[in-house]
Amino acid sequence: MLQDFNICINTNFVFGKDAQNQIGSKLKQMGIQKVLIHHDNGKFLYDGGLLDQIKKQLSQKGIESLELGGVLPNPRLSLVREGIHLAKKEQVDMVLAIGGGSVIDSAKAIGLGAVSDTDVWDFFTGAEIPKSSLPTGVILTCPATGSESSDVAVINHVELGKKLLVSSPVIRPAIAFMNPQLTCSLPPFLTACGVVDMFSHVCERYFTPDTEIGVIDRMAEGILKTLVDIGPKVLQEPHNYAYRAEIMWIGSIAHNDTVGIGRVQDWSTHVIGNELSALYDTPHGATLSIIMGAWMRYVYQEKPERFARFAKEVFGVQWNGNNTLEAAFQGILKTEEYFRSMGMPVSFGDYGIPTDEVEKMLDQIAFGGEDDSIGGIKRLNREDCRRIFETAF
């Protein structure tokens, strides 16, 4: 049954063709006077005139703007600190992210640090609790993380080799402009990484030690089944607006907790996979496709009925109640097959990642609780995580 929960998703979604053309009027209505535009210096910003278009719309409504580019995948703390200094110096009243999850997370961190006297990294280590933030606006160009409406930001401290997150309602973006047309030029690999991220976000919530929650489970299964259906199709037809629109919206609902409320969540795949990003700068979606199958193989016998149901409802595996373990394992094979069908790696070897730094990655995992472990459906200690890494070799 549903456990107690408290959720407020206060993001204003402006979704559809040319949604970004409303940015000047919408921000004016919000009382915004000066924004820091944050981006990754991507060619798409300049080749199609998107950046100039945004600046022009803001200017026409009397809104000043300045820029900070240079965001990298697995966004760096060093650039966040630069943005905080700039935001404070220029007294901006909004950070506007143009891009995907890395840019949005970096913008959230800047907004958090811009109204604080403490170092922003303290929020990621848990030394400080977020109390307020500059509002964040988003023009989404790469659907994947759902950061455009989530209360989470992930930042990479390169010098320490740590990739940590902060979670707080104060960093949910205030407004998100979502035009699927802006995503049609995404390279196939980035599109596939995004789909895997969405798939994983739902799975982290679906694979739970809790009992069935009818409506939430069916919503989650519907999202996963849709991704299995249209994920490969969008790679074949990258300019198909209908596919791009569904992918874009799924990214948001997969990670704003719509399908995670009222239950224990897992997040082991993300925690373990993040260490590949922190050490090797591996793209986030690729770390998830590499780790997820190995994690599933390691934990599925803890709750085989849940994995058998997943196999049946998402991939159409026959499950008659007597072949539970077999059906559950077939679902794992189908998951890996699905990732491969989109050109995603499912092992260290597939992506050329070294296998001799496992201990270093294990040293960085934030094991917690009385049992010094991570996870929900099965609590995983250091030795468990080592075996999952080795399974993924």
Protein backbone atom coordinates (compact mmCIF):
# COMPACT_ATOMS: atom_id res chain seq x y z
CA MET A 1 0.00 0.00 0.00
CA LEU A 2 1.00 3.64 -0.34
CA GLN A 3 3.21 4.91 2.45
CA ASP A 4 2.93 8.50 3.68
CA PHE A 5 4.48 11.08 1.37
CA ASN A 6 4.81 14.81 0.81
CA ILE A 7 5.45 16.13 -2.69
CA CYS A 8 5.14 19.52 -4.38
CA ILE A 9 6.10 19.75 -8.06
CA ASN A 10 5.97 23.49 -8.59
CA THR A 11 7.60 23.63 -12.03
CA ASN A 12 5.64 25.52 -14.69
CA PHE A 13 5.89 23.42 -17.87
CA VAL A 14 5.65 25.27 -21.19
CA PHE A 15 5.53 22.38 -23.66
CA GLY A 16 5.16 22.27 -27.43
CA LYS A 17 6.39 23.57 -30.75
CA ASP A 18 8.31 26.84 -30.36
CA ALA A 19 7.73 26.79 -26.59
CA GLN A 20 10.96 28.73 -26.09
CA ASN A 21 9.44 31.71 -27.90
CA GLN A 22 7.40 32.42 -24.78
CA ILE A 23 10.44 32.89 -22.57
CA GLY A 24 10.49 36.69 -22.56
CA SER A 25 6.83 37.11 -21.66
CA LYS A 26 6.83 34.29 -19.08
CA LEU A 27 9.91 35.54 -17.24
CA LYS A 28 8.56 39.10 -17.33
CA GLN A 29 5.38 37.84 -15.64
CA MET A 30 7.55 36.26 -12.95
CA GLY A 31 9.22 39.60 -12.23
CA ILE A 32 12.64 38.48 -13.46
CA GLN A 33 14.96 41.38 -14.30
CA LYS A 34 18.40 39.86 -14.83
CA VAL A 35 19.37 36.30 -15.76
CA LEU A 36 22.57 34.30 -15.96
CA ILE A 37 22.33 32.14 -19.10
CA HIS A 38 24.18 28.89 -18.48
CA HIS A 39 25.11 26.44 -21.27
CA ASP A 40 27.73 24.06 -22.66
CA ASN A 41 28.96 26.13 -25.65
CA GLY A 42 27.39 23.52 -27.94
CA LYS A 43 27.37 24.23 -31.68
CA PHE A 44 23.58 23.88 -31.74
CA LEU A 45 23.31 27.07 -29.70
CA TYR A 46 24.97 29.07 -32.45
CA ASP A 47 24.29 27.22 -35.70
CA GLY A 48 20.52 27.48 -35.37
CA GLY A 49 20.56 30.88 -33.72
CA LEU A 50 18.91 29.59 -30.53
CA LEU A 51 21.14 31.55 -28.14
CA ASP A 52 20.71 34.83 -30.01
CA GLN A 53 16.97 34.19 -30.21
CA ILE A 54 16.73 33.77 -26.44
CA LYS A 55 18.80 36.88 -25.74
CA LYS A 56 16.67 38.92 -28.14
CA GLN A 57 13.41 37.81 -26.51
CA LEU A 58 14.72 38.68 -23.07
CA SER A 59 15.98 42.06 -24.22
CA GLN A 60 12.65 42.90 -25.85
CA LYS A 61 10.99 42.44 -22.46
CA GLY A 62 13.58 44.55 -20.67
CA ILE A 63 15.36 41.59 -19.06
CA GLU A 64 19.16 41.84 -18.85
CA SER A 65 21.27 38.76 -19.48
CA LEU A 66 24.83 37.55 -19.14
CA GLU A 67 26.42 34.22 -20.04
CA LEU A 68 28.48 31.44 -18.56
CA GLY A 69 29.27 28.57 -20.91
CA GLY A 70 31.55 25.58 -20.66
CA VAL A 71 29.47 22.96 -18.85
CA LEU A 72 30.84 19.45 -19.38
CA PRO A 73 29.12 16.07 -18.95
CA ASN A 74 29.34 15.17 -15.27
CA PRO A 75 29.29 18.91 -14.42
CA ARG A 76 32.29 20.31 -12.59
CA LEU A 77 32.27 22.00 -9.21
CA SER A 78 34.91 24.46 -10.44
CA LEU A 79 32.52 25.96 -13.02
CA VAL A 80 29.71 26.04 -10.45
CA ARG A 81 31.89 28.14 -8.16
CA GLU A 82 32.70 30.46 -11.05
CA GLY A 83 28.99 30.83 -11.73
CA ILE A 84 28.23 31.58 -8.09
CA HIS A 85 30.83 34.35 -8.05
CA LEU A 86 29.37 35.82 -11.25
CA ALA A 87 25.77 35.58 -10.04
CA LYS A 88 26.59 37.36 -6.79
CA LYS A 89 28.70 40.03 -8.47
CA GLU A 90 26.07 40.81 -11.11
CA GLN A 91 23.10 40.36 -8.75
CA VAL A 92 21.13 38.16 -11.10
CA ASP A 93 17.69 36.95 -10.02
CA MET A 94 17.49 33.77 -12.12
CA VAL A 95 19.85 31.15 -13.57
CA LEU A 96 18.62 30.07 -17.01
CA ALA A 97 19.93 26.71 -18.22
CA ILE A 98 19.93 25.91 -21.95
CA GLY A 99 20.76 22.24 -22.39
CA GLY A 100 20.29 18.90 -20.70
CA GLY A 101 20.85 17.43 -17.29
CA SER A 102 24.46 18.49 -16.81
CA VAL A 103 23.72 22.12 -17.60
CA ILE A 104 20.56 22.10 -15.48
CA ASP A 105 22.30 20.52 -12.48
CA SER A 106 25.12 23.04 -12.75
CA ALA A 107 22.56 25.86 -12.89
CA LYS A 108 20.76 24.49 -9.83
CA ALA A 109 24.03 24.38 -7.90
CA ILE A 110 24.83 27.96 -8.92
CA GLY A 111 21.38 29.07 -7.77
CA LEU A 112 21.92 27.32 -4.45
CA GLY A 113 25.34 28.84 -3.84
CA ALA A 114 24.38 32.32 -5.02
CA VAL A 115 22.19 32.92 -1.95
CA SER A 116 24.50 31.27 0.57
CA ASP A 117 27.59 32.35 2.48
CA THR A 118 28.83 28.77 2.80
CA ASP A 119 30.73 26.83 0.14
CA VAL A 120 28.27 25.14 -2.20
CA TRP A 121 30.02 21.75 -1.87
CA ASP A 122 28.85 21.63 1.76
CA PHE A 123 25.31 21.08 0.46
CA PHE A 124 26.47 18.03 -1.48
CA THR A 125 28.37 16.49 1.43
CA GLY A 126 25.43 17.05 3.78
CA ALA A 127 27.35 19.49 5.98
CA GLU A 128 24.73 22.15 5.16
CA ILE A 129 21.00 21.86 4.45
CA PRO A 130 19.57 23.92 1.56
CA LYS A 131 17.14 26.59 2.68
CA SER A 132 16.75 28.79 -0.39
CA SER A 133 17.96 29.25 -3.95
CA LEU A 134 17.77 31.59 -6.88
CA PRO A 135 15.01 30.33 -9.21
CA THR A 136 16.21 28.16 -12.07
CA GLY A 137 14.71 28.31 -15.55
CA VAL A 138 15.26 25.65 -18.21
CA ILE A 139 15.21 25.49 -21.97
CA LEU A 140 15.48 21.73 -22.43
CA THR A 141 17.47 20.49 -25.43
CA CYS A 142 18.52 17.00 -24.29
CA PRO A 143 15.85 14.95 -22.48
CA ALA A 144 17.40 12.40 -20.15
CA THR A 145 17.82 13.16 -16.48
CA GLY A 146 14.45 14.80 -15.79
CA SER A 147 16.40 17.52 -14.01
CA GLU A 148 14.04 20.10 -15.50
CA SER A 149 11.50 19.27 -12.78
CA SER A 150 13.37 17.18 -10.22
CA ASP A 151 14.59 18.26 -6.80
CA VAL A 152 18.05 16.76 -7.38
CA ALA A 153 21.37 18.08 -8.69
CA VAL A 154 24.54 16.03 -9.19
CA ILE A 155 27.99 17.65 -9.32
CA ASN A 156 31.46 16.19 -9.90
CA HIS A 157 34.34 17.29 -7.65
CA VAL A 158 37.21 16.27 -9.94
CA GLU A 159 40.00 16.96 -7.45
CA LEU A 160 38.42 14.64 -4.85
CA GLY A 161 37.17 12.11 -7.40
CA LYS A 162 33.67 12.40 -5.94
CA LYS A 163 30.33 12.75 -7.71
CA LEU A 164 27.66 13.67 -5.16
CA LEU A 165 24.07 14.85 -5.18
CA VAL A 166 21.94 17.26 -3.24
CA SER A 167 18.17 16.83 -2.99
CA SER A 168 15.84 19.60 -1.86
CA PRO A 169 12.52 21.09 -2.99
CA VAL A 170 14.15 24.53 -3.14
CA ILE A 171 16.12 23.58 -6.26
CA ARG A 172 13.22 22.35 -8.40
CA PRO A 173 13.22 24.59 -11.48
CA ALA A 174 10.58 27.29 -11.47
CA ILE A 175 9.86 27.01 -15.19
CA ALA A 176 10.78 24.66 -18.03
CA PHE A 177 10.39 25.42 -21.73
CA MET A 178 10.13 22.11 -23.59
CA ASN A 179 10.09 22.10 -27.39
CA PRO A 180 10.62 18.58 -28.81
CA GLN A 181 11.81 20.13 -32.09
CA LEU A 182 14.99 21.27 -30.32
CA THR A 183 15.96 17.64 -29.69
CA CYS A 184 15.71 16.31 -33.25
CA SER A 185 19.37 17.00 -34.03
CA LEU A 186 20.69 15.08 -31.02
CA PRO A 187 23.25 12.41 -32.00
CA PRO A 188 21.97 8.82 -31.70
CA PHE A 189 24.25 7.98 -28.78
CA LEU A 190 23.08 10.95 -26.69
CA THR A 191 19.47 10.12 -27.50
CA ALA A 192 20.02 6.51 -26.41
CA CYS A 193 21.81 7.62 -23.23
CA GLY A 194 18.79 9.74 -22.39
CA VAL A 195 16.34 6.89 -22.92
CA VAL A 196 18.43 4.57 -20.70
CA ASP A 197 18.53 7.23 -17.98
CA MET A 198 14.73 7.52 -18.04
CA PHE A 199 14.34 3.74 -18.00
CA SER A 200 16.66 3.51 -15.01
CA HIS A 201 14.91 6.32 -13.13
CA VAL A 202 11.68 4.35 -13.26
CA CYS A 203 13.37 1.06 -12.35
CA GLU A 204 15.03 2.60 -9.28
CA ARG A 205 11.52 3.28 -8.01
CA TYR A 206 9.78 0.18 -9.36
CA PHE A 207 12.11 -2.41 -7.83
CA THR A 208 11.13 -1.95 -4.22
CA PRO A 209 10.86 -4.07 -1.09
CA ASP A 210 7.31 -2.74 -0.69
CA THR A 211 4.22 -4.65 -1.72
CA GLU A 212 2.32 -3.86 -4.90
CA ILE A 213 0.88 -0.38 -5.32
CA GLY A 214 -1.62 -0.81 -8.14
CA VAL A 215 -1.80 2.62 -9.74
CA ILE A 216 1.86 3.52 -9.24
CA ASP A 217 3.08 0.15 -10.52
CA ARG A 218 0.88 0.35 -13.60
CA MET A 219 2.03 3.88 -14.34
CA ALA A 220 5.66 2.78 -14.04
CA GLU A 221 5.09 -0.25 -16.28
CA GLY A 222 3.37 1.95 -18.85
CA ILE A 223 6.36 4.29 -18.98
CA LEU A 224 8.84 1.42 -19.29
CA LYS A 225 6.79 -0.31 -21.98
CA THR A 226 6.55 2.93 -23.95
CA LEU A 227 10.32 3.43 -23.77
CA VAL A 228 10.89 -0.13 -24.99
CA ASP A 229 8.56 0.57 -27.89
CA ILE A 230 9.70 4.00 -29.05
CA GLY A 231 13.34 4.02 -27.90
CA PRO A 232 14.64 2.18 -30.99
CA LYS A 233 12.09 3.95 -33.20
CA VAL A 234 13.32 7.43 -32.33
CA LEU A 235 16.83 6.37 -33.33
CA GLN A 236 15.48 5.23 -36.71
CA GLU A 237 13.33 8.34 -37.17
CA PRO A 238 15.15 11.13 -35.31
CA HIS A 239 12.95 13.87 -36.77
CA ASN A 240 9.66 12.21 -35.79
CA TYR A 241 8.02 14.87 -33.62
CA ALA A 242 5.60 12.45 -31.95
CA TYR A 243 8.44 10.22 -30.73
CA ARG A 244 10.55 13.15 -29.59
CA ALA A 245 7.59 14.64 -27.71
CA GLU A 246 6.89 11.42 -25.81
CA ILE A 247 10.56 10.96 -24.95
CA MET A 248 10.79 14.54 -23.70
CA TRP A 249 7.77 14.26 -21.40
CA ILE A 250 8.76 10.82 -20.13
CA GLY A 251 12.08 12.27 -19.03
CA SER A 252 10.23 14.61 -16.68
CA ILE A 253 7.71 12.19 -15.19
CA ALA A 254 10.34 9.48 -14.79
CA HIS A 255 12.28 11.58 -12.30
CA ASN A 256 9.98 14.12 -10.62
CA ASP A 257 8.74 11.28 -8.37
CA THR A 258 5.38 10.83 -10.06
CA VAL A 259 6.00 7.06 -10.03
CA GLY A 260 8.08 6.97 -6.86
CA ILE A 261 5.81 8.34 -4.17
CA GLY A 262 4.71 6.24 -1.24
CA ARG A 263 7.38 3.57 -1.47
CA VAL A 264 10.96 2.67 -0.60
CA GLN A 265 13.22 3.37 -3.57
CA ASP A 266 16.49 1.64 -4.47
CA TRP A 267 19.05 3.80 -6.37
CA SER A 268 21.88 1.25 -6.17
CA THR A 269 22.41 1.29 -9.95
CA HIS A 270 22.90 5.06 -9.90
CA VAL A 271 25.15 5.03 -6.85
CA ILE A 272 27.40 2.31 -8.29
CA GLY A 273 27.32 3.69 -11.83
CA ASN A 274 28.20 7.20 -10.68
CA GLU A 275 31.63 5.94 -9.70
CA LEU A 276 32.36 5.10 -13.34
CA SER A 277 31.50 8.69 -14.22
CA ALA A 278 33.59 10.11 -11.37
CA LEU A 279 36.70 8.06 -12.20
CA TYR A 280 36.53 7.65 -15.98
CA ASP A 281 34.15 10.49 -17.00
CA THR A 282 31.88 7.86 -18.55
CA PRO A 283 28.57 9.28 -19.87
CA HIS A 284 25.85 8.82 -17.27
CA GLY A 285 23.51 6.80 -19.49
CA ALA A 286 26.31 4.42 -20.40
CA THR A 287 27.18 3.79 -16.73
CA LEU A 288 23.56 2.82 -16.12
CA SER A 289 23.32 0.41 -19.06
CA ILE A 290 26.60 -1.18 -17.93
CA ILE A 291 25.59 -1.60 -14.29
CA MET A 292 21.85 -2.27 -14.43
CA GLY A 293 21.98 -5.81 -15.82
CA ALA A 294 24.72 -6.78 -13.37
CA TRP A 295 22.72 -5.32 -10.47
CA MET A 296 19.59 -7.15 -11.60
CA ARG A 297 21.44 -10.47 -11.81
CA TYR A 298 22.77 -9.97 -8.29
CA VAL A 299 19.50 -9.02 -6.55
CA TYR A 300 16.61 -10.53 -8.51
CA GLN A 301 16.21 -13.59 -6.28
CA GLU A 302 15.45 -11.29 -3.33
CA LYS A 303 12.08 -10.52 -4.91
CA PRO A 304 11.64 -12.75 -7.97
CA GLU A 305 7.91 -12.06 -8.29
CA ARG A 306 8.62 -8.35 -8.81
CA PHE A 307 11.20 -9.11 -11.52
CA ALA A 308 8.89 -11.68 -13.15
CA ARG A 309 6.09 -9.12 -13.24
CA PHE A 310 8.51 -6.62 -14.82
CA ALA A 311 9.43 -9.21 -17.45
CA LYS A 312 5.78 -9.92 -18.23
CA GLU A 313 4.37 -6.39 -18.25
CA VAL A 314 7.29 -4.60 -19.92
CA PHE A 315 8.73 -7.22 -22.29
CA GLY A 316 5.86 -9.70 -22.73
CA VAL A 317 7.66 -12.66 -21.15
CA GLN A 318 5.25 -15.49 -20.33
CA TRP A 319 4.80 -15.92 -16.59
CA ASN A 320 2.30 -18.43 -15.25
CA GLY A 321 3.22 -18.20 -11.58
CA ASN A 322 5.17 -21.46 -11.60
CA ASN A 323 8.17 -20.30 -13.63
CA THR A 324 8.94 -17.20 -11.55
CA LEU A 325 12.75 -17.41 -11.47
CA GLU A 326 12.96 -18.29 -15.15
CA ALA A 327 10.64 -15.45 -16.13
CA ALA A 328 12.52 -13.01 -13.90
CA PHE A 329 15.85 -13.93 -15.50
CA GLN A 330 14.38 -13.64 -18.99
CA GLY A 331 13.38 -10.08 -18.10
CA ILE A 332 16.99 -9.29 -17.26
CA LEU A 333 18.17 -10.72 -20.58
CA LYS A 334 15.49 -8.71 -22.38
CA THR A 335 16.63 -5.53 -20.63
CA GLU A 336 20.22 -6.04 -21.77
CA GLU A 337 19.02 -6.91 -25.27
CA TYR A 338 16.98 -3.70 -25.32
CA PHE A 339 20.01 -1.61 -24.35
CA ARG A 340 22.12 -3.30 -27.02
CA SER A 341 19.43 -2.62 -29.64
CA MET A 342 20.03 1.09 -29.05
CA GLY A 343 23.80 0.77 -29.29
CA MET A 344 24.41 1.03 -25.54
CA PRO A 345 27.12 -0.89 -23.66
CA VAL A 346 26.16 -3.54 -21.10
CA SER A 347 29.65 -4.29 -19.76
CA PHE A 348 32.96 -2.63 -18.98
CA GLY A 349 34.40 -4.32 -22.05
CA ASP A 350 31.73 -2.90 -24.35
CA TYR A 351 32.87 0.64 -23.51
CA GLY A 352 36.57 -0.07 -23.05
CA ILE A 353 36.60 0.72 -19.33
CA PRO A 354 39.55 -0.66 -17.30
CA THR A 355 38.72 -3.25 -14.66
CA ASP A 356 41.66 -2.66 -12.29
CA GLU A 357 40.32 0.29 -10.26
CA VAL A 358 37.37 -1.33 -8.50
CA GLU A 359 38.78 -0.74 -5.03
CA LYS A 360 39.19 2.95 -5.76
CA MET A 361 35.56 3.18 -6.85
CA LEU A 362 34.36 1.21 -3.82
CA ASP A 363 36.27 3.63 -1.57
CA GLN A 364 34.12 6.49 -2.87
CA ILE A 365 30.66 4.91 -2.47
CA ALA A 366 28.75 6.57 0.36
CA PHE A 367 27.63 3.47 2.25
CA GLY A 368 25.27 4.42 5.08
CA GLY A 369 22.75 3.33 7.65
CA GLU A 370 23.31 1.02 10.56
CA ASP A 371 24.37 -1.73 8.14
CA ASP A 372 26.82 0.51 6.21
CA SER A 373 25.11 -0.36 2.92
CA ILE A 374 23.14 1.08 0.01
CA GLY A 375 19.95 0.07 -1.78
CA GLY A 376 16.34 -0.80 -1.08
CA ILE A 377 15.25 -4.10 -2.55
CA LYS A 378 18.50 -5.65 -1.23
CA ARG A 379 20.94 -3.85 1.04
CA LEU A 380 24.37 -3.93 -0.58
CA ASN A 381 27.62 -3.65 1.33
CA ARG A 382 31.12 -3.16 -0.09
CA GLU A 383 31.56 -6.83 -0.99
CA ASP A 384 28.17 -6.92 -2.73
CA CYS A 385 29.09 -3.88 -4.82
CA ARG A 386 32.45 -5.42 -5.70
CA ARG A 387 30.63 -8.48 -7.06
CA ILE A 388 28.29 -6.30 -9.10
CA PHE A 389 31.25 -4.47 -10.63
CA GLU A 390 32.88 -7.83 -11.43
CA THR A 391 29.64 -9.16 -12.94
CA ALA A 392 29.65 -6.09 -15.21
CA PHE A 393 33.20 -6.72 -16.45
